[in-house]
PDB file of N, CA and C in Angstrom:
ATOM      1  N   MET A   1     119.352 -40.370 193.068  1.00  0.00           N
ATOM      2  CA  MET A   1     120.442 -40.384 193.414  1.00  0.00           C
ATOM      3  C   MET A   1     120.690 -41.928 193.005  1.00  0.00           C
ATOM      4  N   LYS A   2     120.130 -42.903 193.933  1.00  0.00           N
ATOM      5  CA  LYS A   2     120.682 -44.317 193.994  1.00  0.00           C
ATOM      6  C   LYS A   2     120.263 -44.735 192.490  1.00  0.00           C
ATOM      7  N   LYS A   3     119.306 -44.253 191.987  1.00  0.00           N
ATOM      8  CA  LYS A   3     119.040 -44.631 190.713  1.00  0.00           C
ATOM      9  C   LYS A   3     120.023 -44.203 189.474  1.00  0.00           C
ATOM     10  N   LYS A   4     120.753 -43.349 189.643  1.00  0.00           N
ATOM     11  CA  LYS A   4     121.763 -42.837 188.982  1.00  0.00           C
ATOM     12  C   LYS A   4     123.130 -43.878 189.432  1.00  0.00           C
ATOM     13  N   LEU A   5     123.324 -43.723 190.584  1.00  0.00           N
ATOM     14  CA  LEU A   5     124.946 -44.755 191.002  1.00  0.00           C
ATOM     15  C   LEU A   5     124.118 -46.065 190.271  1.00  0.00           C
ATOM     16  N   ASN A   6     122.875 -46.972 190.491  1.00  0.00           N
ATOM     17  CA  ASN A   6     122.525 -48.215 189.931  1.00  0.00           C
ATOM     18  C   ASN A   6     122.721 -48.439 188.331  1.00  0.00           C
ATOM     19  N   LYS A   7     122.356 -47.421 187.815  1.00  0.00           N
ATOM     20  CA  LYS A   7     122.496 -46.835 186.275  1.00  0.00           C
ATOM     21  C   LYS A   7     124.176 -46.992 186.216  1.00  0.00           C
ATOM     22  N   LEU A   8     125.081 -46.326 186.693  1.00  0.00           N
ATOM     23  CA  LEU A   8     126.104 -46.128 186.444  1.00  0.00           C
ATOM     24  C   LEU A   8     127.114 -47.724 187.061  1.00  0.00           C
ATOM     25  N   ASN A   9     126.698 -48.497 187.858  1.00  0.00           N
ATOM     26  CA  ASN A   9     127.133 -49.571 188.110  1.00  0.00           C
ATOM     27  C   ASN A   9     126.843 -51.096 186.744  1.00  0.00           C
ATOM     28  N   LYS A  10     125.735 -50.601 186.720  1.00  0.00           N
ATOM     29  CA  LYS A  10     125.046 -51.385 184.958  1.00  0.00           C
ATOM     30  C   LYS A  10     125.945 -51.077 184.109  1.00  0.00           C
ATOM     31  N   ILE A  11     126.470 -49.975 184.092  1.00  0.00           N
ATOM     32  CA  ILE A  11     127.375 -49.747 182.678  1.00  0.00           C
ATOM     33  C   ILE A  11     128.627 -50.090 182.562  1.00  0.00           C
ATOM     34  N   GLU A  12     129.254 -50.068 184.163  1.00  0.00           N
ATOM     35  CA  GLU A  12     130.923 -50.120 184.188  1.00  0.00           C
ATOM     36  C   GLU A  12     130.551 -52.038 184.365  1.00  0.00           C
ATOM     37  N   LYS A  13     129.302 -52.571 184.898  1.00  0.00           N
ATOM     38  CA  LYS A  13     129.178 -54.138 184.384  1.00  0.00           C
ATOM     39  C   LYS A  13     129.125 -54.409 183.063  1.00  0.00           C
ATOM     40  N   GLY A  14     128.635 -53.795 182.148  1.00  0.00           N
ATOM     41  CA  GLY A  14     128.507 -54.134 181.027  1.00  0.00           C
ATOM     42  C   GLY A  14     130.080 -53.919 180.003  1.00  0.00           C
ATOM     43  N   LEU A  15     130.533 -52.790 180.688  1.00  0.00           N
ATOM     44  CA  LEU A  15     131.610 -52.411 179.659  1.00  0.00           C
ATOM     45  C   LEU A  15     133.037 -53.634 180.428  1.00  0.00           C
ATOM     46  N   GLN A  16     132.567 -54.255 181.663  1.00  0.00           N
ATOM     47  CA  GLN A  16     133.505 -55.115 181.865  1.00  0.00           C
ATOM     48  C   GLN A  16     133.669 -56.000 181.269  1.00  0.00           C
ATOM     49  N   MET A  17     132.583 -56.391 180.389  1.00  0.00           N
ATOM     50  CA  MET A  17     132.256 -57.946 179.814  1.00  0.00           C
ATOM     51  C   MET A  17     133.314 -57.616 178.233  1.00  0.00           C
ATOM     52  N   PHE A  18     133.639 -56.354 178.202  1.00  0.00           N
ATOM     53  CA  PHE A  18     134.698 -56.481 177.003  1.00  0.00           C
ATOM     54  C   PHE A  18     135.616 -55.845 176.975  1.00  0.00           C
ATOM     55  N   LEU A  19     136.041 -55.506 178.118  1.00  0.00           N
ATOM     56  CA  LEU A  19     137.163 -54.244 178.147  1.00  0.00           C
ATOM     57  C   LEU A  19     137.889 -54.701 179.728  1.00  0.00           C
ATOM     58  N   PHE A  20     138.920 -54.593 179.607  1.00  0.00           N
ATOM     59  CA  PHE A  20     139.837 -54.471 180.660  1.00  0.00           C
ATOM     60  C   PHE A  20     140.212 -53.437 182.067  1.00  0.00           C
ATOM     61  N   ASP A  21     140.391 -53.415 182.551  1.00  0.00           N
ATOM     62  CA  ASP A  21     140.052 -52.514 183.902  1.00  0.00           C
ATOM     63  C   ASP A  21     140.876 -51.188 183.317  1.00  0.00           C
ATOM     64  N   ASP A  22     142.111 -51.359 182.905  1.00  0.00           N
ATOM     65  CA  ASP A  22     142.924 -50.419 182.390  1.00  0.00           C
ATOM     66  C   ASP A  22     142.344 -49.661 181.291  1.00  0.00           C
ATOM     67  N   GLN A  23     141.531 -50.121 180.218  1.00  0.00           N
ATOM     68  CA  GLN A  23     140.327 -49.864 179.195  1.00  0.00           C
ATOM     69  C   GLN A  23     139.403 -48.795 179.597  1.00  0.00           C
ATOM     70  N   ILE A  24     138.818 -49.154 180.779  1.00  0.00           N
ATOM     71  CA  ILE A  24     137.307 -48.356 181.273  1.00  0.00           C
ATOM     72  C   ILE A  24     138.178 -47.184 182.571  1.00  0.00           C
ATOM     73  N   ARG A  25     139.542 -47.332 182.699  1.00  0.00           N
ATOM     74  CA  ARG A  25     140.219 -46.159 182.937  1.00  0.00           C
ATOM     75  C   ARG A  25     140.372 -45.197 182.405  1.00  0.00           C
ATOM     76  N   ALA A  26     141.207 -45.521 181.075  1.00  0.00           N
ATOM     77  CA  ALA A  26     141.412 -44.812 179.858  1.00  0.00           C
ATOM     78  C   ALA A  26     140.324 -44.108 179.393  1.00  0.00           C
ATOM     79  N   LEU A  27     139.124 -44.656 179.108  1.00  0.00           N
ATOM     80  CA  LEU A  27     137.719 -43.858 178.819  1.00  0.00           C
ATOM     81  C   LEU A  27     138.106 -42.229 180.316  1.00  0.00           C
ATOM     82  N   THR A  28     138.119 -42.644 180.814  1.00  0.00           N
ATOM     83  CA  THR A  28     137.539 -41.516 182.141  1.00  0.00           C
ATOM     84  C   THR A  28     138.482 -39.973 181.626  1.00  0.00           C
ATOM     85  N   LEU A  29     139.895 -40.737 180.983  1.00  0.00           N
ATOM     86  CA  LEU A  29     141.145 -39.472 180.885  1.00  0.00           C
ATOM     87  C   LEU A  29     140.822 -38.633 179.487  1.00  0.00           C
ATOM     88  N   ALA A  30     140.680 -37.345 179.798  1.00  0.00           N
ATOM     89  CA  ALA A  30     140.549 -36.441 178.536  1.00  0.00           C
ATOM     90  C   ALA A  30     141.566 -36.975 177.619  1.00  0.00           C
ATOM     91  N   LYS A  31     141.241 -36.897 176.015  1.00  0.00           N
ATOM     92  CA  LYS A  31     141.591 -36.876 175.281  1.00  0.00           C
ATOM     93  C   LYS A  31     143.070 -36.791 175.081  1.00  0.00           C
ATOM     94  N   ARG A  32     143.214 -35.304 175.106  1.00  0.00           N
ATOM     95  CA  ARG A  32     144.301 -34.828 174.870  1.00  0.00           C
ATOM     96  C   ARG A  32     145.566 -34.864 176.165  1.00  0.00           C
ATOM     97  N   SER A  33     145.268 -35.383 177.192  1.00  0.00           N
ATOM     98  CA  SER A  33     146.177 -35.772 178.393  1.00  0.00           C
ATOM     99  C   SER A  33     146.119 -37.235 178.831  1.00  0.00           C
ATOM    100  N   ARG A  34     145.717 -38.546 177.675  1.00  0.00           N
ATOM    101  CA  ARG A  34     145.867 -39.893 177.765  1.00  0.00           C
ATOM    102  C   ARG A  34     147.233 -40.233 177.784  1.00  0.00           C
ATOM    103  N   ARG A  35     147.375 -40.577 179.365  1.00  0.00           N
ATOM    104  CA  ARG A  35     148.652 -41.138 179.868  1.00  0.00           C
ATOM    105  C   ARG A  35     148.274 -42.500 180.337  1.00  0.00           C
ATOM    106  N   ALA A  36     147.492 -43.403 179.881  1.00  0.00           N
ATOM    107  CA  ALA A  36     146.613 -44.776 180.210  1.00  0.00           C
ATOM    108  C   ALA A  36     148.380 -45.584 180.357  1.00  0.00           C
ATOM    109  N   VAL A  37     148.113 -46.394 181.266  1.00  0.00           N
ATOM    110  CA  VAL A  37     149.260 -47.193 181.526  1.00  0.00           C
ATOM    111  C   VAL A  37     148.182 -48.551 181.349  1.00  0.00           C
ATOM    112  N   TRP A  38     149.027 -49.490 179.992  1.00  0.00           N
ATOM    113  CA  TRP A  38     148.174 -50.648 179.375  1.00  0.00           C
ATOM    114  C   TRP A  38     148.825 -51.806 180.349  1.00  0.00           C
ATOM    115  N   SER A  39     147.712 -52.471 180.559  1.00  0.00           N
ATOM    116  CA  SER A  39     148.288 -54.025 180.987  1.00  0.00           C
ATOM    117  C   SER A  39     148.634 -54.934 179.821  1.00  0.00           C
ATOM    118  N   GLN A  40     149.423 -55.832 180.600  1.00  0.00           N
ATOM    119  CA  GLN A  40     149.679 -56.574 179.347  1.00  0.00           C
ATOM    120  C   GLN A  40     149.472 -57.541 178.337  1.00  0.00           C
ATOM    121  N   ASP A  41     147.738 -57.789 179.163  1.00  0.00           N
ATOM    122  CA  ASP A  41     146.261 -58.523 178.131  1.00  0.00           C
ATOM    123  C   ASP A  41     146.096 -57.383 177.558  1.00  0.00           C
ATOM    124  N   THR A  42     145.576 -56.420 177.493  1.00  0.00           N
ATOM    125  CA  THR A  42     145.215 -55.319 177.110  1.00  0.00           C
ATOM    126  C   THR A  42     146.185 -54.741 175.696  1.00  0.00           C
ATOM    127  N   VAL A  43     147.200 -54.833 175.758  1.00  0.00           N
ATOM    128  CA  VAL A  43     148.741 -54.990 174.685  1.00  0.00           C
ATOM    129  C   VAL A  43     148.396 -56.534 173.939  1.00  0.00           C
ATOM    130  N   LEU A  44     148.119 -57.165 174.442  1.00  0.00           N
ATOM    131  CA  LEU A  44     147.971 -58.759 173.595  1.00  0.00           C
ATOM    132  C   LEU A  44     147.072 -58.460 172.605  1.00  0.00           C
ATOM    133  N   THR A  45     146.046 -58.389 173.482  1.00  0.00           N
ATOM    134  CA  THR A  45     144.645 -58.069 172.657  1.00  0.00           C
ATOM    135  C   THR A  45     144.396 -57.022 171.816  1.00  0.00           C
ATOM    136  N   ALA A  46     144.921 -56.078 171.773  1.00  0.00           N
ATOM    137  CA  ALA A  46     145.035 -54.953 170.851  1.00  0.00           C
ATOM    138  C   ALA A  46     146.118 -55.171 169.555  1.00  0.00           C
ATOM    139  N   ARG A  47     147.521 -56.455 169.764  1.00  0.00           N
ATOM    140  CA  ARG A  47     148.058 -56.767 168.719  1.00  0.00           C
ATOM    141  C   ARG A  47     146.814 -57.693 167.918  1.00  0.00           C
ATOM    142  N   ARG A  48     146.205 -57.985 168.816  1.00  0.00           N
ATOM    143  CA  ARG A  48     145.277 -59.174 167.972  1.00  0.00           C
ATOM    144  C   ARG A  48     144.507 -58.681 167.121  1.00  0.00           C
ATOM    145  N   ILE A  49     143.952 -57.522 167.221  1.00  0.00           N
ATOM    146  CA  ILE A  49     142.861 -56.661 167.010  1.00  0.00           C
ATOM    147  C   ILE A  49     143.468 -56.045 165.885  1.00  0.00           C
ATOM    148  N   ARG A  50     144.843 -55.278 166.239  1.00  0.00           N
ATOM    149  CA  ARG A  50     145.953 -54.657 164.885  1.00  0.00           C
ATOM    150  C   ARG A  50     145.993 -55.879 163.801  1.00  0.00           C
ATOM    151  N   GLY A  51     146.349 -56.572 164.210  1.00  0.00           N
ATOM    152  CA  GLY A  51     146.848 -57.942 162.978  1.00  0.00           C
ATOM    153  C   GLY A  51     145.555 -58.424 162.167  1.00  0.00           C
ATOM    154  N   ALA A  52     144.326 -58.227 163.082  1.00  0.00           N
ATOM    155  CA  ALA A  52     142.820 -58.329 162.083  1.00  0.00           C
ATOM    156  C   ALA A  52     142.572 -57.663 161.276  1.00  0.00           C
ATOM    157  N   VAL A  53     142.820 -56.320 161.893  1.00  0.00           N
ATOM    158  CA  VAL A  53     141.843 -55.329 160.796  1.00  0.00           C
ATOM    159  C   VAL A  53     142.750 -54.310 160.659  1.00  0.00           C
ATOM    160  N   GLY A  54     144.518 -54.311 160.465  1.00  0.00           N
ATOM    161  CA  GLY A  54     145.039 -53.408 159.461  1.00  0.00           C
ATOM    162  C   GLY A  54     145.675 -52.413 160.679  1.00  0.00           C
ATOM    163  N   VAL A  55     146.415 -52.039 159.546  1.00  0.00           N
ATOM    164  CA  VAL A  55     147.088 -50.343 160.452  1.00  0.00           C
ATOM    165  C   VAL A  55     145.705 -49.344 160.472  1.00  0.00           C
ATOM    166  N   LYS A  56     145.023 -49.165 159.048  1.00  0.00           N
ATOM    167  CA  LYS A  56     144.133 -48.198 159.242  1.00  0.00           C
ATOM    168  C   LYS A  56     142.754 -48.694 159.805  1.00  0.00           C
ATOM    169  N   GLY A  57     142.628 -49.718 159.952  1.00  0.00           N
ATOM    170  CA  GLY A  57     141.663 -50.290 160.933  1.00  0.00           C
ATOM    171  C   GLY A  57     141.365 -49.863 162.378  1.00  0.00           C
ATOM    172  N   TYR A  58     142.685 -50.291 162.802  1.00  0.00           N
ATOM    173  CA  TYR A  58     143.322 -49.975 164.435  1.00  0.00           C
ATOM    174  C   TYR A  58     143.229 -48.856 164.673  1.00  0.00           C
ATOM    175  N   GLU A  59     143.924 -47.597 163.774  1.00  0.00           N
ATOM    176  CA  GLU A  59     143.648 -46.319 163.906  1.00  0.00           C
ATOM    177  C   GLU A  59     142.157 -45.758 163.933  1.00  0.00           C
ATOM    178  N   PHE A  60     141.145 -46.540 162.787  1.00  0.00           N
ATOM    179  CA  PHE A  60     140.366 -45.837 163.072  1.00  0.00           C
ATOM    180  C   PHE A  60     139.470 -45.979 164.285  1.00  0.00           C
ATOM    181  N   LEU A  61     139.473 -47.521 164.836  1.00  0.00           N
ATOM    182  CA  LEU A  61     139.175 -47.607 166.088  1.00  0.00           C
ATOM    183  C   LEU A  61     139.752 -46.646 167.115  1.00  0.00           C
ATOM    184  N   ARG A  62     140.724 -46.122 167.582  1.00  0.00           N
ATOM    185  CA  ARG A  62     140.963 -45.349 167.961  1.00  0.00           C
ATOM    186  C   ARG A  62     140.451 -44.296 167.923  1.00  0.00           C
ATOM    187  N   GLU A  63     140.388 -43.581 166.479  1.00  0.00           N
ATOM    188  CA  GLU A  63     139.950 -42.535 166.383  1.00  0.00           C
ATOM    189  C   GLU A  63     138.492 -42.179 167.042  1.00  0.00           C
ATOM    190  N   LEU A  64     137.237 -43.593 166.683  1.00  0.00           N
ATOM    191  CA  LEU A  64     136.221 -43.643 167.104  1.00  0.00           C
ATOM    192  C   LEU A  64     136.206 -43.606 168.711  1.00  0.00           C
ATOM    193  N   GLY A  65     137.148 -43.562 169.546  1.00  0.00           N
ATOM    194  CA  GLY A  65     137.148 -43.410 171.006  1.00  0.00           C
ATOM    195  C   GLY A  65     137.718 -44.758 171.571  1.00  0.00           C
ATOM    196  N   TYR A  66     137.892 -45.680 170.820  1.00  0.00           N
ATOM    197  CA  TYR A  66     137.726 -47.431 171.752  1.00  0.00           C
ATOM    198  C   TYR A  66     139.343 -47.146 172.458  1.00  0.00           C
ATOM    199  N   PRO A  67     139.336 -47.756 173.610  1.00  0.00           N
ATOM    200  CA  PRO A  67     140.449 -47.273 174.476  1.00  0.00           C
ATOM    201  C   PRO A  67     141.545 -48.271 174.280  1.00  0.00           C
ATOM    202  N   LEU A  68     142.488 -48.242 172.998  1.00  0.00           N
ATOM    203  CA  LEU A  68     143.521 -48.998 172.740  1.00  0.00           C
ATOM    204  C   LEU A  68     145.080 -47.892 172.776  1.00  0.00           C
ATOM    205  N   PRO A  69     146.024 -49.060 173.034  1.00  0.00           N
ATOM    206  CA  PRO A  69     147.359 -48.323 173.204  1.00  0.00           C
ATOM    207  C   PRO A  69     147.537 -47.860 171.530  1.00  0.00           C
ATOM    208  N   SER A  70     148.544 -47.266 171.808  1.00  0.00           N
ATOM    209  CA  SER A  70     148.860 -46.094 169.904  1.00  0.00           C
ATOM    210  C   SER A  70     149.959 -47.321 169.520  1.00  0.00           C
ATOM    211  N   TYR A  71     149.535 -47.386 168.424  1.00  0.00           N
ATOM    212  CA  TYR A  71     150.587 -48.606 167.644  1.00  0.00           C
ATOM    213  C   TYR A  71     152.098 -48.259 168.075  1.00  0.00           C
ATOM    214  N   ARG A  72     152.672 -46.549 168.189  1.00  0.00           N
ATOM    215  CA  ARG A  72     154.127 -46.940 168.979  1.00  0.00           C
ATOM    216  C   ARG A  72     153.781 -47.774 170.162  1.00  0.00           C
ATOM    217  N   THR A  73     152.978 -47.727 171.277  1.00  0.00           N
ATOM    218  CA  THR A  73     153.094 -48.438 172.321  1.00  0.00           C
ATOM    219  C   THR A  73     153.374 -49.750 171.982  1.00  0.00           C
ATOM    220  N   LEU A  74     152.372 -50.127 171.236  1.00  0.00           N
ATOM    221  CA  LEU A  74     152.257 -51.661 170.850  1.00  0.00           C
ATOM    222  C   LEU A  74     153.428 -51.917 170.346  1.00  0.00           C
ATOM    223  N   CYS A  75     154.190 -51.704 169.584  1.00  0.00           N
ATOM    224  CA  CYS A  75     155.989 -51.420 169.386  1.00  0.00           C
ATOM    225  C   CYS A  75     156.616 -51.791 170.320  1.00  0.00           C
ATOM    226  N   ASN A  76     156.525 -50.512 171.375  1.00  0.00           N
ATOM    227  CA  ASN A  76     157.813 -50.578 172.446  1.00  0.00           C
ATOM    228  C   ASN A  76     157.288 -51.795 173.331  1.00  0.00           C
ATOM    229  N   ARG A  77     156.446 -51.478 173.742  1.00  0.00           N
ATOM    230  CA  ARG A  77     156.051 -53.115 174.255  1.00  0.00           C
ATOM    231  C   ARG A  77     156.399 -54.700 173.752  1.00  0.00           C
ATOM    232  N   MET A  78     156.611 -54.520 172.649  1.00  0.00           N
ATOM    233  CA  MET A  78     156.764 -55.813 172.377  1.00  0.00           C
ATOM    234  C   MET A  78     157.892 -56.427 172.943  1.00  0.00           C
ATOM    235  N   GLU A  79     158.319 -57.841 173.495  1.00  0.00           N
ATOM    236  CA  GLU A  79     159.618 -57.930 173.961  1.00  0.00           C
ATOM    237  C   GLU A  79     160.922 -58.213 172.784  1.00  0.00           C
ATOM    238  N   PRO A  80     161.817 -57.827 172.622  1.00  0.00           N
ATOM    239  CA  PRO A  80     163.094 -58.612 171.611  1.00  0.00           C
ATOM    240  C   PRO A  80     162.993 -59.796 172.390  1.00  0.00           C
ATOM    241  N   LYS A  81     163.172 -60.592 171.084  1.00  0.00           N
ATOM    242  CA  LYS A  81     163.654 -62.102 171.566  1.00  0.00           C
ATOM    243  C   LYS A  81     164.333 -62.968 170.089  1.00  0.00           C
ATOM    244  N   ILE A  82     165.193 -63.713 170.756  1.00  0.00           N
ATOM    245  CA  ILE A  82     165.188 -64.767 169.560  1.00  0.00           C
ATOM    246  C   ILE A  82     164.505 -65.558 169.350  1.00  0.00           C
ATOM    247  N   MET A  83     164.109 -65.984 168.225  1.00  0.00           N
ATOM    248  CA  MET A  83     162.891 -66.909 168.358  1.00  0.00           C
ATOM    249  C   MET A  83     163.606 -67.657 167.211  1.00  0.00           C
ATOM    250  N   THR A  84     162.869 -69.430 167.860  1.00  0.00           N
ATOM    251  CA  THR A  84     163.223 -70.303 167.064  1.00  0.00           C
ATOM    252  C   THR A  84     161.937 -70.715 166.352  1.00  0.00           C
ATOM    253  N   PRO A  85     162.209 -71.167 164.930  1.00  0.00           N
ATOM    254  CA  PRO A  85     160.481 -71.441 164.542  1.00  0.00           C
ATOM    255  C   PRO A  85     159.426 -71.551 165.051  1.00  0.00           C
ATOM    256  N   PRO A  86     159.355 -72.606 165.888  1.00  0.00           N
ATOM    257  CA  PRO A  86     158.124 -72.927 166.929  1.00  0.00           C
ATOM    258  C   PRO A  86     157.862 -72.068 168.046  1.00  0.00           C
ATOM    259  N   THR A  87     159.020 -71.052 168.304  1.00  0.00           N
ATOM    260  CA  THR A  87     158.758 -69.626 169.264  1.00  0.00           C
ATOM    261  C   THR A  87     157.992 -68.743 168.231  1.00  0.00           C
ATOM    262  N   MET A  88     158.442 -69.076 167.058  1.00  0.00           N
ATOM    263  CA  MET A  88     157.843 -67.913 166.586  1.00  0.00           C
ATOM    264  C   MET A  88     156.287 -68.146 166.077  1.00  0.00           C
ATOM    265  N   GLN A  89     155.986 -69.370 165.595  1.00  0.00           N
ATOM    266  CA  GLN A  89     154.605 -69.792 165.641  1.00  0.00           C
ATOM    267  C   GLN A  89     153.803 -69.852 166.494  1.00  0.00           C
ATOM    268  N   ASP A  90     154.468 -69.706 167.722  1.00  0.00           N
ATOM    269  CA  ASP A  90     153.268 -69.327 168.805  1.00  0.00           C
ATOM    270  C   ASP A  90     153.167 -67.604 169.029  1.00  0.00           C
ATOM    271  N   GLU A  91     154.365 -66.742 169.064  1.00  0.00           N
ATOM    272  CA  GLU A  91     154.219 -65.661 169.174  1.00  0.00           C
ATOM    273  C   GLU A  91     152.878 -64.964 167.689  1.00  0.00           C
ATOM    274  N   LEU A  92     153.297 -65.466 166.613  1.00  0.00           N
ATOM    275  CA  LEU A  92     152.208 -65.069 165.421  1.00  0.00           C
ATOM    276  C   LEU A  92     150.756 -65.342 165.819  1.00  0.00           C
ATOM    277  N   ALA A  93     150.715 -66.751 166.102  1.00  0.00           N
ATOM    278  CA  ALA A  93     149.347 -66.957 166.382  1.00  0.00           C
ATOM    279  C   ALA A  93     148.701 -66.018 167.783  1.00  0.00           C
ATOM    280  N   ALA A  94     149.499 -65.437 168.536  1.00  0.00           N
ATOM    281  CA  ALA A  94     148.742 -65.134 169.710  1.00  0.00           C
ATOM    282  C   ALA A  94     149.030 -63.311 169.119  1.00  0.00           C
ATOM    283  N   ILE A  95     149.195 -63.343 168.137  1.00  0.00           N
ATOM    284  CA  ILE A  95     149.040 -61.475 167.434  1.00  0.00           C
ATOM    285  C   ILE A  95     148.139 -61.616 166.599  1.00  0.00           C
ATOM    286  N   GLY A  96     147.361 -63.123 166.431  1.00  0.00           N
ATOM    287  CA  GLY A  96     146.501 -63.172 165.055  1.00  0.00           C
ATOM    288  C   GLY A  96     146.862 -63.226 164.045  1.00  0.00           C
ATOM    289  N   LEU A  97     148.072 -63.724 163.312  1.00  0.00           N
ATOM    290  CA  LEU A  97     148.837 -63.740 162.490  1.00  0.00           C
ATOM    291  C   LEU A  97     148.772 -65.492 161.849  1.00  0.00           C
ATOM    292  N   CYS A  98     147.340 -65.833 161.980  1.00  0.00           N
ATOM    293  CA  CYS A  98     147.472 -67.657 161.895  1.00  0.00           C
ATOM    294  C   CYS A  98     148.260 -68.266 160.586  1.00  0.00           C
ATOM    295  N   GLU A  99     147.308 -67.023 159.609  1.00  0.00           N
ATOM    296  CA  GLU A  99     148.039 -67.514 157.985  1.00  0.00           C
ATOM    297  C   GLU A  99     149.390 -67.933 157.717  1.00  0.00           C
ATOM    298  N   VAL A 100     150.192 -66.725 158.458  1.00  0.00           N
ATOM    299  CA  VAL A 100     151.262 -66.758 158.436  1.00  0.00           C
ATOM    300  C   VAL A 100     152.461 -68.036 159.148  1.00  0.00           C
ATOM    301  N   VAL A 101     151.433 -68.362 160.201  1.00  0.00           N
ATOM    302  CA  VAL A 101     152.229 -69.655 160.702  1.00  0.00           C
ATOM    303  C   VAL A 101     151.927 -71.027 160.076  1.00  0.00           C
ATOM    304  N   ASP A 102     150.684 -71.410 159.135  1.00  0.00           N
ATOM    305  CA  ASP A 102     151.031 -72.146 158.383  1.00  0.00           C
ATOM    306  C   ASP A 102     152.228 -72.394 157.231  1.00  0.00           C
ATOM    307  N   LYS A 103     152.745 -71.102 156.472  1.00  0.00           N
ATOM    308  CA  LYS A 103     153.694 -71.241 156.001  1.00  0.00           C
ATOM    309  C   LYS A 103     155.067 -71.181 156.431  1.00  0.00           C
ATOM    310  N   ILE A 104     155.499 -71.310 157.797  1.00  0.00           N
ATOM    311  CA  ILE A 104     156.920 -71.572 158.440  1.00  0.00           C
ATOM    312  C   ILE A 104     157.289 -73.097 158.270  1.00  0.00           C
ATOM    313  N   THR A 105     158.275 -73.550 157.864  1.00  0.00           N
ATOM    314  CA  THR A 105     158.286 -75.178 158.181  1.00  0.00           C
ATOM    315  C   THR A 105     159.256 -75.196 159.172  1.00  0.00           C
ATOM    316  N   PRO A 106     158.761 -76.155 160.231  1.00  0.00           N
ATOM    317  CA  PRO A 106     159.890 -76.081 161.777  1.00  0.00           C
ATOM    318  C   PRO A 106     161.162 -76.575 161.129  1.00  0.00           C
ATOM    319  N   LEU A 107     162.177 -76.291 161.834  1.00  0.00           N
ATOM    320  CA  LEU A 107     163.263 -77.043 161.933  1.00  0.00           C
ATOM    321  C   LEU A 107     163.722 -78.386 161.641  1.00  0.00           C
ATOM    322  N   SER A 108     162.907 -79.231 162.483  1.00  0.00           N
ATOM    323  CA  SER A 108     162.986 -80.210 162.349  1.00  0.00           C
ATOM    324  C   SER A 108     162.617 -81.222 161.030  1.00  0.00           C
ATOM    325  N   GLU A 109     161.659 -80.331 160.313  1.00  0.00           N
ATOM    326  CA  GLU A 109     161.401 -80.847 159.236  1.00  0.00           C
ATOM    327  C   GLU A 109     162.152 -80.815 157.967  1.00  0.00           C
ATOM    328  N   MET A 110     163.254 -79.762 158.103  1.00  0.00           N
ATOM    329  CA  MET A 110     163.946 -79.341 157.287  1.00  0.00           C
ATOM    330  C   MET A 110     165.027 -80.038 156.821  1.00  0.00           C
ATOM    331  N   ASP A 111     165.315 -80.978 157.539  1.00  0.00           N
ATOM    332  CA  ASP A 111     166.445 -82.000 157.211  1.00  0.00           C
ATOM    333  C   ASP A 111     166.517 -82.753 156.170  1.00  0.00           C
TER     334      ASP A 111
END
């Protein structure tokens, strides 16, 4: 019994190295009844992953069972903001779209 508990603790510590606590909790939920509550950190990381691998790659990871929010959740959790170009650059960089950031000209340089 003690060996199994130690083994489970090691597995959990290993998962904590690359997953947030809410993602670990989501792994314990049944697939059909997934009603996970995602943290802001998880949503931001998921946006970056989605930006890096695209929609099909993101959905493939979810089909494999990787604990990520649905694309719908990502869209719903985006905060509507009126963005100025520098703010937009920060937002795009945060979701992993750095190549787009390089093409934006700040308003101060447009004079």
